[in-house]
Amino acid sequence: MALAVDIDFNNTYELVPLFDDLKESTFDTRLRDGTYVPLKIEISNEPHELMPQVYNLAFGPLDAKGRINDKAELPHGDYSKVFSTILLDALIYLTKNNDHYIGIDGSDVLRAIYYFRVIQRNYDYLTSIFNISGLKYYVRINRFGKQQYHNPFDFNDVFVKPQKIEKGERIDFDTLYNYFIFNLKEEKSK
């Protein structure tokens, strides 16, 4: 992945919405070798189970079964244009659904770090439009004794506490955000 991604909503690929609800769109990305690959952006129909106003945004090329492969690594010719297009899609969706939030999952540690760095590099531009928070997934187990080993996971012990991402904030593996949440700033949603 490219390190220097500059988000610019005036430099995007042409988005093609697939439905009127704006939950699915496609665009063609140009790869380094000059070929084009279609990418799909999909916003979930149901909100996040633990965050009722957050709708997950997934993106990537389609696999053989027609599903988004969000782990694919493509050699994009212009990473800035790709990520600008994806975030423009989120902006268009949030403009029509201003009581919603968009969540983007850093599906592994490297992607989470990458997304965080893109946000930091473009902090002023993005925060002029969006409120941006990060979420660290973690679980507290408050069982003791043998029960802890028989059934160690209780969904009631999952804490969801998004934190506003600050400019210049540094993270390490202990404080890494796994999930990034965007919503429109109040004045942008009108």
Protein backbone atom coordinates (compact mmCIF):
# COMPACT_ATOMS: atom_id res chain seq x y z
CA MET A 1 0.00 0.00 0.00
CA ALA A 2 1.13 3.53 -0.70
CA LEU A 3 2.22 5.60 2.27
CA ALA A 4 1.38 9.07 0.97
CA VAL A 5 -2.39 9.10 0.47
CA ASP A 6 -3.89 12.56 -0.02
CA ILE A 7 -7.68 12.69 0.24
CA ASP A 8 -9.30 15.08 -2.22
CA PHE A 9 -12.99 14.85 -3.11
CA ASN A 10 -12.24 16.70 -6.36
CA ASN A 11 -9.92 13.87 -7.47
CA THR A 12 -12.02 10.69 -7.52
CA TYR A 13 -13.07 7.93 -9.86
CA GLU A 14 -16.62 7.98 -11.19
CA LEU A 15 -18.94 6.38 -8.64
CA VAL A 16 -21.84 4.33 -9.95
CA PRO A 17 -24.60 3.84 -7.32
CA LEU A 18 -26.30 0.47 -7.75
CA PHE A 19 -29.45 1.32 -5.78
CA ASP A 20 -31.34 4.46 -4.80
CA ASP A 21 -30.58 3.91 -1.10
CA LEU A 22 -26.87 4.52 -1.88
CA LYS A 23 -25.77 1.42 0.05
CA GLU A 24 -23.93 -0.15 -2.89
CA SER A 25 -21.70 1.54 -5.44
CA THR A 26 -18.94 0.56 -7.82
CA PHE A 27 -16.06 2.26 -9.52
CA ASP A 28 -13.17 1.14 -11.68
CA THR A 29 -9.67 1.60 -10.27
CA ARG A 30 -6.65 1.84 -12.54
CA LEU A 31 -3.81 -0.45 -11.54
CA ARG A 32 -0.11 0.29 -12.01
CA ASP A 33 0.01 -1.86 -15.16
CA GLY A 34 -2.76 0.25 -16.74
CA THR A 35 -5.55 -2.29 -16.40
CA TYR A 36 -8.80 -1.46 -14.63
CA VAL A 37 -10.45 -3.49 -11.89
CA PRO A 38 -13.98 -2.86 -10.60
CA LEU A 39 -14.23 -2.19 -6.86
CA LYS A 40 -17.44 -2.38 -4.91
CA ILE A 41 -18.38 -0.30 -1.89
CA GLU A 42 -21.13 -1.67 0.30
CA ILE A 43 -22.77 -0.13 3.36
CA SER A 44 -24.43 -2.68 5.60
CA ASN A 45 -28.21 -2.90 5.75
CA GLU A 46 -28.21 -3.40 9.50
CA PRO A 47 -26.41 -1.25 12.05
CA HIS A 48 -23.55 -2.59 14.12
CA GLU A 49 -24.94 -4.84 16.83
CA LEU A 50 -23.34 -2.83 19.65
CA MET A 51 -23.62 0.63 18.04
CA PRO A 52 -27.15 1.16 16.69
CA GLN A 53 -26.39 4.14 14.42
CA VAL A 54 -23.15 2.80 12.91
CA TYR A 55 -23.31 1.12 9.50
CA ASN A 56 -20.25 -0.76 8.31
CA LEU A 57 -18.64 0.22 5.03
CA ALA A 58 -16.77 -2.53 3.17
CA PHE A 59 -14.87 -2.15 -0.07
CA GLY A 60 -12.74 -4.16 -2.43
CA PRO A 61 -12.80 -6.25 -5.57
CA LEU A 62 -15.32 -9.06 -5.86
CA ASP A 63 -14.27 -12.66 -5.32
CA ALA A 64 -15.44 -15.63 -7.44
CA LYS A 65 -18.70 -15.79 -5.44
CA GLY A 66 -19.49 -12.11 -5.99
CA ARG A 67 -18.57 -11.02 -2.44
CA ILE A 68 -16.26 -8.18 -1.53
CA ASN A 69 -12.75 -9.38 -0.84
CA ASP A 70 -11.66 -6.79 1.72
CA LYS A 71 -8.32 -8.53 2.22
CA ALA A 72 -7.24 -8.20 -1.42
CA GLU A 73 -4.08 -6.25 -2.09
CA LEU A 74 -4.15 -4.49 -5.43
CA PRO A 75 -1.31 -2.42 -6.93
CA HIS A 76 -3.38 0.74 -7.47
CA GLY A 77 -2.02 3.35 -9.81
CA ASP A 78 -3.37 6.13 -7.56
CA TYR A 79 -4.10 5.20 -3.95
CA SER A 80 -5.16 8.77 -3.19
CA LYS A 81 -7.85 8.60 -5.84
CA VAL A 82 -9.08 5.19 -4.59
CA PHE A 83 -9.42 6.25 -0.96
CA SER A 84 -10.87 9.64 -1.95
CA THR A 85 -13.54 7.80 -3.96
CA ILE A 86 -14.38 5.47 -1.06
CA LEU A 87 -14.69 8.35 1.41
CA LEU A 88 -16.68 10.40 -1.12
CA ASP A 89 -19.15 7.51 -1.25
CA ALA A 90 -19.38 7.65 2.57
CA LEU A 91 -19.92 11.42 2.40
CA ILE A 92 -22.73 11.07 -0.16
CA TYR A 93 -24.40 8.37 1.94
CA LEU A 94 -24.12 10.39 5.16
CA THR A 95 -25.49 13.49 3.46
CA LYS A 96 -28.66 11.52 2.65
CA ASN A 97 -28.67 9.70 6.02
CA ASN A 98 -27.31 12.34 8.39
CA ASP A 99 -28.39 10.49 11.54
CA HIS A 100 -26.14 7.56 10.60
CA TYR A 101 -22.46 6.91 11.17
CA ILE A 102 -20.13 4.98 8.88
CA GLY A 103 -17.73 2.44 10.37
CA ILE A 104 -14.63 1.13 8.60
CA ASP A 105 -12.97 -1.94 10.03
CA GLY A 106 -9.20 -2.29 9.97
CA SER A 107 -9.52 -6.01 9.31
CA ASP A 108 -5.97 -6.69 10.49
CA VAL A 109 -3.27 -4.79 12.36
CA LEU A 110 -1.51 -3.52 9.24
CA ARG A 111 -4.71 -2.17 7.70
CA ALA A 112 -5.75 -0.55 10.98
CA ILE A 113 -2.39 1.22 11.18
CA TYR A 114 -2.65 2.21 7.52
CA TYR A 115 -6.14 3.68 7.92
CA PHE A 116 -5.04 5.58 11.02
CA ARG A 117 -2.06 7.05 9.14
CA VAL A 118 -4.30 8.10 6.24
CA ILE A 119 -6.60 9.85 8.72
CA GLN A 120 -3.67 11.60 10.42
CA ARG A 121 -2.11 12.69 7.11
CA ASN A 122 -5.46 14.18 6.00
CA TYR A 123 -6.69 15.23 9.44
CA ASP A 124 -7.50 18.89 8.69
CA TYR A 125 -9.25 18.11 5.42
CA LEU A 126 -11.29 15.21 6.81
CA THR A 127 -12.24 16.87 10.10
CA SER A 128 -13.54 19.91 8.23
CA ILE A 129 -16.30 17.55 7.03
CA PHE A 130 -16.47 14.60 9.44
CA ASN A 131 -16.29 13.85 13.13
CA ILE A 132 -13.88 10.92 13.32
CA SER A 133 -13.59 8.46 16.18
CA GLY A 134 -11.61 5.31 16.73
CA LEU A 135 -12.68 2.23 18.59
CA LYS A 136 -10.48 -0.30 20.30
CA TYR A 137 -12.26 -3.63 20.56
CA TYR A 138 -11.73 -5.19 23.93
CA VAL A 139 -13.57 -7.44 26.34
CA ARG A 140 -13.66 -7.53 30.12
CA ILE A 141 -14.23 -10.96 31.60
CA ASN A 142 -15.77 -10.65 35.03
CA ARG A 143 -16.30 -14.32 35.80
CA PHE A 144 -14.18 -16.16 38.31
CA GLY A 145 -13.18 -19.73 38.89
CA LYS A 146 -14.04 -22.61 36.61
CA GLN A 147 -16.87 -20.75 34.86
CA GLN A 148 -14.33 -18.46 33.26
CA TYR A 149 -12.87 -21.41 31.37
CA HIS A 150 -16.14 -23.13 30.47
CA ASN A 151 -17.75 -20.06 28.95
CA PRO A 152 -15.20 -17.25 28.78
CA PHE A 153 -17.11 -14.88 26.53
CA ASP A 154 -20.15 -12.85 27.49
CA PHE A 155 -21.36 -10.28 24.98
CA ASN A 156 -22.65 -8.20 27.89
CA ASP A 157 -18.99 -7.67 28.78
CA VAL A 158 -18.18 -5.98 25.48
CA PHE A 159 -17.55 -2.29 25.95
CA VAL A 160 -18.03 0.09 23.07
CA LYS A 161 -16.42 3.44 23.70
CA PRO A 162 -15.37 5.32 20.56
CA GLN A 163 -12.76 8.00 21.18
CA LYS A 164 -12.32 11.14 19.13
CA ILE A 165 -9.15 10.86 17.09
CA GLU A 166 -6.93 13.85 17.79
CA LYS A 167 -4.54 15.54 15.38
CA GLY A 168 -1.02 14.25 15.77
CA GLU A 169 -2.13 11.41 18.00
CA ARG A 170 0.28 8.53 18.06
CA ILE A 171 -0.69 4.94 18.55
CA ASP A 172 1.15 1.76 19.29
CA PHE A 173 0.01 -1.84 19.28
CA ASP A 174 -1.44 -1.51 22.79
CA THR A 175 -3.62 1.47 21.89
CA LEU A 176 -4.37 0.64 18.27
CA TYR A 177 -7.82 1.53 16.97
CA ASN A 178 -9.45 -1.39 15.14
CA TYR A 179 -12.51 0.46 13.85
CA PHE A 180 -12.93 3.99 12.51
CA ILE A 181 -16.24 5.82 12.75
CA PHE A 182 -17.25 8.83 10.64
CA ASN A 183 -20.28 11.06 10.81
CA LEU A 184 -20.99 14.45 9.31
CA LYS A 185 -20.21 17.55 11.28
CA GLU A 186 -23.41 19.26 12.38
CA GLU A 187 -23.12 22.13 9.89
CA LYS A 188 -22.38 19.71 7.00
CA SER A 189 -25.49 17.61 7.63
CA LYS A 190 -27.90 20.46 6.85
